[in-house]
C-alpha atoms as a PDB file:
ATOM      1  CA  MET A   1       0.089  -0.071  -0.125  1.00  0.00           C
ATOM      2  CA  GLU A   2       1.351   3.326  -1.051  1.00  0.00           C
ATOM      3  CA  LYS A   3       1.866   5.797   1.691  1.00  0.00           C
ATOM      4  CA  VAL A   4      -0.112   9.213   1.999  1.00  0.00           C
ATOM      5  CA  LYS A   5       2.011  12.574   2.544  1.00  0.00           C
ATOM      6  CA  PHE A   6       0.711  14.634   4.946  1.00  0.00           C
ATOM      7  CA  ASN A   7       1.618  18.537   6.338  1.00  0.00           C
ATOM      8  CA  MET A   8       0.876  19.898   9.830  1.00  0.00           C
ATOM      9  CA  GLU A   9       1.300  23.402  11.038  1.00  0.00           C
ATOM     10  CA  PHE A  10       1.967  24.492  14.735  1.00  0.00           C
ATOM     11  CA  SER A  11       2.493  27.718  16.024  1.00  0.00           C
ATOM     12  CA  MET A  12       5.747  28.726  18.009  1.00  0.00           C
ATOM     13  CA  LYS A  13       4.575  31.966  18.896  1.00  0.00           C
ATOM     14  CA  SER A  14       7.932  34.144  18.917  1.00  0.00           C
ATOM     15  CA  VAL A  15      10.359  31.690  19.761  1.00  0.00           C
ATOM     16  CA  PRO A  16      13.422  32.877  18.590  1.00  0.00           C
ATOM     17  CA  ILE A  17      14.559  31.071  15.043  1.00  0.00           C
ATOM     18  CA  ALA A  18      18.000  30.156  16.322  1.00  0.00           C
ATOM     19  CA  LEU A  19      16.607  28.338  19.408  1.00  0.00           C
ATOM     20  CA  LEU A  20      13.993  26.600  17.635  1.00  0.00           C
ATOM     21  CA  TRP A  21      16.312  25.452  14.968  1.00  0.00           C
ATOM     22  CA  THR A  22      18.595  23.703  17.804  1.00  0.00           C
ATOM     23  CA  TYR A  23      15.768  21.698  18.864  1.00  0.00           C
ATOM     24  CA  LEU A  24      14.852  20.609  15.369  1.00  0.00           C
ATOM     25  CA  SER A  25      18.661  20.012  14.069  1.00  0.00           C
ATOM     26  CA  THR A  26      20.735  18.682  16.946  1.00  0.00           C
ATOM     27  CA  PRO A  27      21.010  15.469  18.525  1.00  0.00           C
ATOM     28  CA  ASN A  28      20.621  17.295  22.176  1.00  0.00           C
ATOM     29  CA  GLY A  29      17.565  19.123  20.817  1.00  0.00           C
ATOM     30  CA  LEU A  30      15.596  16.307  19.398  1.00  0.00           C
ATOM     31  CA  GLU A  31      16.227  14.397  22.768  1.00  0.00           C
ATOM     32  CA  TYR A  32      14.198  17.062  24.460  1.00  0.00           C
ATOM     33  CA  TRP A  33      10.908  16.446  22.285  1.00  0.00           C
ATOM     34  CA  PHE A  34      11.349  13.918  19.572  1.00  0.00           C
ATOM     35  CA  CYS A  35      12.827  10.912  21.035  1.00  0.00           C
ATOM     36  CA  ASP A  36      14.557   9.587  23.992  1.00  0.00           C
ATOM     37  CA  THR A  37      18.008   9.088  22.464  1.00  0.00           C
ATOM     38  CA  VAL A  38      19.739  10.301  19.372  1.00  0.00           C
ATOM     39  CA  LYS A  39      23.113   9.272  18.033  1.00  0.00           C
ATOM     40  CA  GLN A  40      24.591  10.932  15.121  1.00  0.00           C
ATOM     41  CA  ASP A  41      27.332   9.799  12.757  1.00  0.00           C
ATOM     42  CA  GLY A  42      27.630  12.213   9.791  1.00  0.00           C
ATOM     43  CA  LYS A  43      24.686  12.239   8.158  1.00  0.00           C
ATOM     44  CA  HIS A  44      23.176   8.866   9.821  1.00  0.00           C
ATOM     45  CA  PHE A  45      21.094   9.279  12.946  1.00  0.00           C
ATOM     46  CA  THR A  46      19.896   6.739  15.299  1.00  0.00           C
ATOM     47  CA  PHE A  47      16.794   7.565  17.258  1.00  0.00           C
ATOM     48  CA  GLY A  48      15.881   5.653  20.293  1.00  0.00           C
ATOM     49  CA  TRP A  49      12.700   5.557  22.090  1.00  0.00           C
ATOM     50  CA  SER A  50      11.848   3.150  25.200  1.00  0.00           C
ATOM     51  CA  GLY A  51      14.353   0.510  23.831  1.00  0.00           C
ATOM     52  CA  SER A  52      13.962   0.563  20.461  1.00  0.00           C
ATOM     53  CA  GLU A  53      15.959   2.319  17.429  1.00  0.00           C
ATOM     54  CA  GLN A  54      15.166   3.501  14.494  1.00  0.00           C
ATOM     55  CA  GLU A  55      17.804   4.557  11.905  1.00  0.00           C
ATOM     56  CA  ALA A  56      17.420   7.732   9.415  1.00  0.00           C
ATOM     57  CA  THR A  57      19.856   9.344   7.005  1.00  0.00           C
ATOM     58  CA  LEU A  58      19.762  13.371   6.943  1.00  0.00           C
ATOM     59  CA  VAL A  59      19.003  13.973   3.162  1.00  0.00           C
ATOM     60  CA  ALA A  60      18.382  17.778   3.007  1.00  0.00           C
ATOM     61  CA  MET A  61      19.194  20.583   5.409  1.00  0.00           C
ATOM     62  CA  ARG A  62      19.017  24.511   5.256  1.00  0.00           C
ATOM     63  CA  SER A  63      20.122  26.172   8.025  1.00  0.00           C
ATOM     64  CA  TYR A  64      17.681  27.779  10.211  1.00  0.00           C
ATOM     65  CA  ASN A  65      14.844  26.513   7.382  1.00  0.00           C
ATOM     66  CA  TYR A  66      14.565  22.841   7.598  1.00  0.00           C
ATOM     67  CA  VAL A  67      16.024  19.381   7.967  1.00  0.00           C
ATOM     68  CA  ARG A  68      14.703  16.253   6.172  1.00  0.00           C
ATOM     69  CA  PHE A  69      15.389  12.721   7.277  1.00  0.00           C
ATOM     70  CA  HIS A  70      14.654   9.404   5.305  1.00  0.00           C
ATOM     71  CA  TRP A  71      14.207   6.171   7.375  1.00  0.00           C
ATOM     72  CA  THR A  72      16.645   3.825   6.197  1.00  0.00           C
ATOM     73  CA  ASP A  73      14.258   0.942   6.491  1.00  0.00           C
ATOM     74  CA  GLU A  74      11.901   2.354   4.076  1.00  0.00           C
ATOM     75  CA  LYS A  75      12.213   1.309   0.673  1.00  0.00           C
ATOM     76  CA  ASP A  76      10.044   4.220  -1.146  1.00  0.00           C
ATOM     77  CA  LYS A  77      11.095   7.996  -1.281  1.00  0.00           C
ATOM     78  CA  SER A  78       8.947   9.151   1.865  1.00  0.00           C
ATOM     79  CA  TYR A  79      10.638  11.338   4.293  1.00  0.00           C
ATOM     80  CA  PHE A  80       9.711  13.685   7.324  1.00  0.00           C
ATOM     81  CA  GLU A  81      10.634  17.476   7.213  1.00  0.00           C
ATOM     82  CA  LEU A  82      10.755  19.865  10.027  1.00  0.00           C
ATOM     83  CA  LYS A  83      10.446  23.258   8.389  1.00  0.00           C
ATOM     84  CA  ILE A  84      10.475  26.718  10.079  1.00  0.00           C
ATOM     85  CA  ASP A  85       8.151  29.087   8.515  1.00  0.00           C
ATOM     86  CA  VAL A  86       7.653  32.899   9.363  1.00  0.00           C
ATOM     87  CA  SER A  87       4.493  34.390   8.300  1.00  0.00           C
ATOM     88  CA  GLU A  88       5.003  37.589   6.496  1.00  0.00           C
ATOM     89  CA  LEU A  89       1.877  39.168   7.745  1.00  0.00           C
ATOM     90  CA  THR A  90       2.254  38.529  11.298  1.00  0.00           C
ATOM     91  CA  ASP A  91       6.164  37.576  11.966  1.00  0.00           C
ATOM     92  CA  ASN A  92       4.596  34.483  13.950  1.00  0.00           C
ATOM     93  CA  ILE A  93       7.085  31.394  13.688  1.00  0.00           C
ATOM     94  CA  ASN A  94       5.351  28.159  12.582  1.00  0.00           C
ATOM     95  CA  LEU A  95       6.883  24.649  12.425  1.00  0.00           C
ATOM     96  CA  VAL A  96       5.729  22.789   9.451  1.00  0.00           C
ATOM     97  CA  ILE A  97       5.926  18.967   9.639  1.00  0.00           C
ATOM     98  CA  THR A  98       5.650  16.946   6.481  1.00  0.00           C
ATOM     99  CA  ASP A  99       5.614  13.309   6.864  1.00  0.00           C
ATOM    100  CA  PHE A 100       4.199  10.067   5.198  1.00  0.00           C
ATOM    101  CA  SER A 101       1.702   7.289   6.694  1.00  0.00           C
ATOM    102  CA  ASP A 102      -0.016   4.160   5.647  1.00  0.00           C
ATOM    103  CA  PRO A 103      -3.618   5.442   5.263  1.00  0.00           C
ATOM    104  CA  ASP A 104      -4.943   3.349   7.635  1.00  0.00           C
ATOM    105  CA  GLU A 105      -2.464   4.797  10.277  1.00  0.00           C
ATOM    106  CA  LEU A 106      -2.717   8.180   9.359  1.00  0.00           C
ATOM    107  CA  GLU A 107      -4.934   9.730  12.144  1.00  0.00           C
ATOM    108  CA  GLU A 108      -2.405   7.859  14.693  1.00  0.00           C
ATOM    109  CA  SER A 109       0.631   9.563  12.793  1.00  0.00           C
ATOM    110  CA  LYS A 110      -0.893  12.821  13.244  1.00  0.00           C
ATOM    111  CA  ASP A 111      -1.859  12.338  16.903  1.00  0.00           C
ATOM    112  CA  VAL A 112       2.154  11.068  17.664  1.00  0.00           C
ATOM    113  CA  TRP A 113       2.995  14.336  15.836  1.00  0.00           C
ATOM    114  CA  VAL A 114       0.574  16.587  18.144  1.00  0.00           C
ATOM    115  CA  ASN A 115       1.987  15.007  21.274  1.00  0.00           C
ATOM    116  CA  GLN A 116       5.517  15.689  20.432  1.00  0.00           C
ATOM    117  CA  VAL A 117       5.261  18.992  19.150  1.00  0.00           C
ATOM    118  CA  GLU A 118       3.000  19.721  22.519  1.00  0.00           C
ATOM    119  CA  THR A 119       6.200  18.510  24.346  1.00  0.00           C
ATOM    120  CA  LEU A 120       8.464  21.023  22.061  1.00  0.00           C
ATOM    121  CA  GLN A 121       6.006  24.104  22.716  1.00  0.00           C
ATOM    122  CA  ARG A 122       6.146  23.451  26.602  1.00  0.00           C
ATOM    123  CA  GLN A 123       9.897  22.850  26.520  1.00  0.00           C
ATOM    124  CA  LEU A 124      10.319  26.343  24.679  1.00  0.00           C
ATOM    125  CA  GLY A 125       7.578  28.244  26.651  1.00  0.00           C
ATOM    126  CA  CYS A 126       5.040  28.676  23.962  1.00  0.00           C
ATOM    127  CA  VAL A 127       1.548  27.236  24.662  1.00  0.00           C
ATOM    128  CA  ALA A 128      -0.533  26.318  21.659  1.00  0.00           C
ATOM    129  CA  ASP A 129      -3.592  28.417  20.748  1.00  0.00           C
END
């Protein structure tokens, strides 16, 4: 079954971009909200959750803008991306998540991201609207 691409957008209020970028692009930052442990060896990342690990390759990055990973066990071209978007109208900082999911697991995948980003928002002191 082919995976479906989805996007989610979260308000990060007025968090400084440099601070948010640290939480999206560094092993220490990702450990605060995305997973329990992160090991990095060049472009190879190992993410750990409660004793299980999943490996990913950093496939694209633009500093202070976005980071994109591909799970190494996935045979398709799916990825997950964490992007900082600044609203031109309001100057609000938004975190845009792009990910792929099996169609029958889409809502569960979205719920996981909501929970993880809520942890990030609490860590950065920006409560969701």
